Protein backbone atom coordinates (compact mmCIF):
# COMPACT_ATOMS: atom_id res chain seq x y z
CA MET A 1 -29.71 5.63 11.84
CA ILE A 2 -30.75 8.08 9.16
CA GLU A 3 -28.92 8.52 5.87
CA ILE A 4 -28.79 12.06 4.51
CA LYS A 5 -28.16 12.75 0.84
CA THR A 6 -27.61 16.38 -0.14
CA PHE A 7 -28.34 17.83 -3.56
CA VAL A 8 -27.12 21.38 -4.21
CA CYS A 9 -29.67 22.98 -6.52
CA ASN A 10 -30.43 25.97 -8.71
CA MET A 11 -28.76 29.33 -9.20
CA LEU A 12 -28.78 30.05 -5.45
CA GLN A 13 -27.03 26.82 -4.43
CA GLU A 14 -29.94 25.66 -2.28
CA ASN A 15 -29.65 22.40 -0.36
CA CYS A 16 -32.29 19.74 -1.01
CA TYR A 17 -32.12 16.76 1.32
CA VAL A 18 -33.35 13.19 0.87
CA VAL A 19 -33.38 11.51 4.27
CA SER A 20 -33.99 7.79 4.71
CA ASP A 21 -33.56 5.02 7.24
CA ASP A 22 -33.19 1.24 7.11
CA THR A 23 -36.90 0.77 6.35
CA ARG A 24 -36.19 2.44 2.95
CA GLU A 25 -38.83 5.08 3.63
CA CYS A 26 -37.66 8.64 3.08
CA VAL A 27 -38.60 12.30 3.22
CA ILE A 28 -37.59 15.02 0.78
CA ILE A 29 -36.83 18.45 2.24
CA ASP A 30 -36.94 21.62 0.11
CA CYS A 31 -36.79 20.36 -3.46
CA GLY A 32 -35.23 23.39 -5.10
CA ALA A 33 -34.13 21.46 -8.20
CA TYR A 34 -34.38 23.84 -11.14
CA TYR A 35 -32.19 22.41 -13.89
CA GLU A 36 -33.17 19.15 -15.55
CA GLU A 37 -30.03 17.35 -14.41
CA GLU A 38 -30.80 18.29 -10.80
CA ARG A 39 -34.35 17.00 -11.03
CA ARG A 40 -33.19 13.79 -12.67
CA ALA A 41 -30.44 13.23 -10.07
CA ILE A 42 -32.92 13.38 -7.17
CA VAL A 43 -35.46 11.06 -8.79
CA ASP A 44 -32.73 8.64 -9.93
CA TYR A 45 -31.27 8.52 -6.41
CA ILE A 46 -34.63 7.75 -4.82
CA ARG A 47 -35.44 5.05 -7.35
CA GLY A 48 -31.91 3.66 -7.42
CA GLN A 49 -31.88 3.28 -3.63
CA GLN A 50 -35.37 1.75 -3.79
CA LEU A 51 -36.72 4.35 -1.39
CA THR A 52 -40.38 5.07 -0.70
CA PRO A 53 -40.97 8.82 -0.28
CA LYS A 54 -43.49 9.66 2.45
CA HIS A 55 -43.29 13.46 2.75
CA LEU A 56 -42.21 16.49 0.73
CA LEU A 57 -41.34 18.87 3.55
CA ALA A 58 -40.80 22.61 3.22
CA THR A 59 -38.83 24.72 5.68
CA HIS A 60 -40.51 27.82 4.19
CA GLY A 61 -42.19 29.21 1.11
CA HIS A 62 -39.45 30.89 -0.92
CA LEU A 63 -39.26 29.73 -4.52
CA ASP A 64 -35.60 28.66 -4.47
CA HIS A 65 -36.70 25.85 -2.13
CA HIS A 66 -39.58 24.79 -4.40
CA PHE A 67 -38.48 24.89 -8.03
CA GLY A 68 -38.64 21.09 -8.18
CA ASP A 69 -41.90 20.43 -6.34
CA ASN A 70 -43.63 19.54 -9.60
CA THR A 71 -41.03 16.86 -10.35
CA ILE A 72 -41.59 15.21 -6.96
CA TYR A 73 -45.34 15.41 -7.47
CA ASP A 74 -45.15 13.91 -10.95
CA ALA A 75 -42.75 11.13 -9.92
CA PHE A 76 -44.09 10.21 -6.48
CA GLY A 77 -47.45 11.95 -6.01
CA LEU A 78 -46.31 14.05 -3.05
CA GLN A 79 -47.51 17.59 -2.40
CA PRO A 80 -45.48 20.07 -0.33
CA GLU A 81 -46.11 20.36 3.41
CA VAL A 82 -45.58 23.88 4.75
CA HIS A 83 -46.39 25.97 7.81
CA GLY A 84 -49.56 28.05 7.59
CA GLY A 85 -47.58 31.28 7.84
CA ASP A 86 -46.28 30.69 4.31
CA GLU A 87 -49.39 29.08 2.79
CA ARG A 88 -50.32 32.27 0.94
CA MET A 89 -46.78 32.64 -0.37
CA MET A 90 -46.94 29.10 -1.74
CA SER A 91 -50.01 29.93 -3.77
CA HIS A 92 -48.11 32.66 -5.62
CA LEU A 93 -44.79 31.01 -6.51
CA ASP A 94 -45.26 32.26 -10.08
CA ARG A 95 -45.25 35.83 -8.77
CA GLN A 96 -42.02 35.16 -6.89
CA ALA A 97 -40.49 33.92 -10.13
CA GLU A 98 -41.33 37.19 -11.85
CA SER A 99 -40.51 39.60 -9.02
CA LEU A 100 -37.34 37.96 -7.66
CA TYR A 101 -35.87 36.17 -10.67
CA GLY A 102 -37.33 37.98 -13.68
CA MET A 103 -38.60 34.72 -15.12
CA ARG A 104 -41.86 33.00 -15.89
CA LEU A 105 -42.55 29.50 -14.65
CA ASP A 106 -43.60 27.40 -17.63
CA TYR A 107 -45.01 24.60 -15.48
CA GLU A 108 -47.69 24.16 -12.83
CA MET A 109 -46.78 23.77 -9.18
CA PRO A 110 -48.70 21.26 -7.05
CA PRO A 111 -50.89 22.78 -4.32
CA VAL A 112 -49.94 22.53 -0.68
CA GLY A 113 -50.96 19.13 0.59
CA HIS A 114 -50.69 19.65 4.35
CA ILE A 115 -50.31 22.58 6.76
CA LEU A 116 -47.65 22.01 9.40
CA ASP A 117 -48.12 23.21 12.98
CA ASP A 118 -45.51 24.08 15.57
CA GLY A 119 -44.79 20.98 17.63
CA GLU A 120 -46.34 18.62 15.10
CA GLN A 121 -44.69 15.24 14.61
CA VAL A 122 -43.59 14.03 11.19
CA THR A 123 -43.08 10.30 10.93
CA PHE A 124 -41.42 8.05 8.39
CA GLY A 125 -39.81 4.65 8.78
CA ASN A 126 -38.55 4.29 12.36
CA HIS A 127 -38.19 8.01 12.91
CA THR A 128 -40.30 10.80 14.35
CA TRP A 129 -39.33 14.44 13.85
CA ARG A 130 -40.62 17.53 15.64
CA VAL A 131 -41.63 20.63 13.72
CA ILE A 132 -40.20 23.77 15.33
CA ALA A 133 -41.68 27.07 14.17
CA THR A 134 -38.83 29.56 13.62
CA PRO A 135 -40.30 32.71 12.04
CA GLY A 136 -38.03 35.55 11.01
CA HIS A 137 -36.73 34.77 7.52
CA SER A 138 -40.40 34.39 6.61
CA ARG A 139 -43.57 34.13 8.68
CA GLY A 140 -43.82 30.39 8.15
CA CYS A 141 -40.24 29.22 8.60
CA VAL A 142 -39.85 25.91 10.40
CA CYS A 143 -37.05 23.55 11.33
CA PHE A 144 -37.26 19.77 11.55
CA PHE A 145 -35.61 18.18 14.60
CA ASP A 146 -34.70 14.51 15.01
CA GLU A 147 -34.26 14.26 18.76
CA SER A 148 -33.13 10.63 18.68
CA GLU A 149 -30.15 11.43 16.47
CA HIS A 150 -29.59 15.10 17.36
CA VAL A 151 -30.09 16.31 13.79
CA LEU A 152 -31.75 19.59 12.77
CA PHE A 153 -32.77 20.75 9.30
CA SER A 154 -32.75 24.52 9.69
CA GLY A 155 -33.77 25.83 6.26
CA ASP A 156 -32.83 29.51 5.99
CA THR A 157 -33.17 30.28 9.69
CA LEU A 158 -29.62 29.29 10.65
CA PHE A 159 -26.52 29.03 8.47
CA ARG A 160 -22.94 28.21 9.36
CA GLY A 161 -21.75 31.47 10.88
CA SER A 162 -24.78 33.45 9.74
CA ILE A 163 -28.57 33.59 9.48
CA GLY A 164 -31.20 34.05 6.80
CA ARG A 165 -32.14 37.45 5.44
CA THR A 166 -34.95 39.30 7.17
CA ASP A 167 -35.56 42.03 4.58
CA PHE A 168 -38.03 40.02 2.48
CA GLN A 169 -41.77 40.46 2.93
CA GLY A 170 -42.77 38.74 6.17
CA GLY A 171 -39.25 38.83 7.55
CA SER A 172 -38.39 40.12 11.01
CA MET A 173 -35.03 40.50 12.73
CA LEU A 174 -36.72 40.45 16.13
CA GLN A 175 -38.48 37.18 15.34
CA ILE A 176 -35.44 35.45 13.90
CA ILE A 177 -33.36 36.33 16.97
CA GLN A 178 -36.11 34.86 19.16
CA SER A 179 -36.13 31.75 16.96
CA LEU A 180 -32.36 31.41 17.22
CA ARG A 181 -32.51 31.64 21.00
CA MET A 182 -34.93 28.73 20.95
CA LEU A 183 -32.63 26.68 18.71
CA ALA A 184 -29.75 27.50 21.05
CA GLN A 185 -31.44 25.35 23.70
CA LEU A 186 -30.90 22.21 21.61
CA PRO A 187 -27.96 19.94 22.53
CA ASP A 188 -24.59 21.35 21.50
CA ASP A 189 -23.81 18.25 19.44
CA THR A 190 -26.93 18.71 17.29
CA ARG A 191 -25.85 18.50 13.66
CA VAL A 192 -27.44 21.32 11.64
CA TYR A 193 -28.17 20.87 7.93
CA CYS A 194 -28.80 24.31 6.47
CA GLY A 195 -30.81 25.56 3.52
CA HIS A 196 -27.63 26.89 1.90
CA GLY A 197 -23.98 26.18 2.56
CA PRO A 198 -22.22 23.60 4.73
CA ALA A 199 -23.53 21.78 7.77
CA THR A 200 -22.61 22.89 11.27
CA THR A 201 -23.51 22.15 14.90
CA ILE A 202 -25.40 24.09 17.53
CA GLY A 203 -22.27 24.14 19.69
CA ASP A 204 -20.13 25.59 16.91
CA GLU A 205 -22.75 28.27 16.20
CA LEU A 206 -22.92 29.25 19.85
CA ARG A 207 -19.14 29.72 19.77
CA MET A 208 -18.77 31.62 16.48
CA ASN A 209 -22.12 32.92 15.22
CA PRO A 210 -22.69 36.50 16.42
CA TYR A 211 -26.46 36.06 16.16
CA MET A 212 -26.63 33.05 18.49
CA ASP A 213 -27.07 33.61 22.21
CA ARG A 214 -28.30 31.34 24.99
């Protein structure tokens, strides 16, 4: 059984997840911690629970999901793992800061440590997750699916009752609709942990989300 701890981060209320199991190994998904108290809360939780972080996973390359990557690197030595479609974007997070937020990053971001592929398996503790490529919000969007527990981390591909924007560079409405149709094939009871906002299920989204269609 996995334990999921959610940290709501930064000015865009992004969800960072720390996911562990009874082996005390864990993964960190989308560390968007911007403010010092957010960064400290994540590190204190990991250390307080005596967890061993194995992966810093990225659902995509937008800065609001990466503000805190340097903190995870400094504390635990982990570099972000991202799909190749967003590798270039990850090398220019400072430019995103200027163009999207009108700010300058006053710290260095760690380089990408591993390129994720569609269908790749991510392992930690007693769990194995499948990487599902879901382009549309960006070229390199992915979801992480735990088939044994019917849990999906959807990033900004799927929200409760909505979907991620497609008007950023590399976005595509056609692609995100195709990605959503693929996610719609997952079991209805799959619990979906989104990049922003509350959790949902695939079944609920099929019933109420106008973008979802089997």
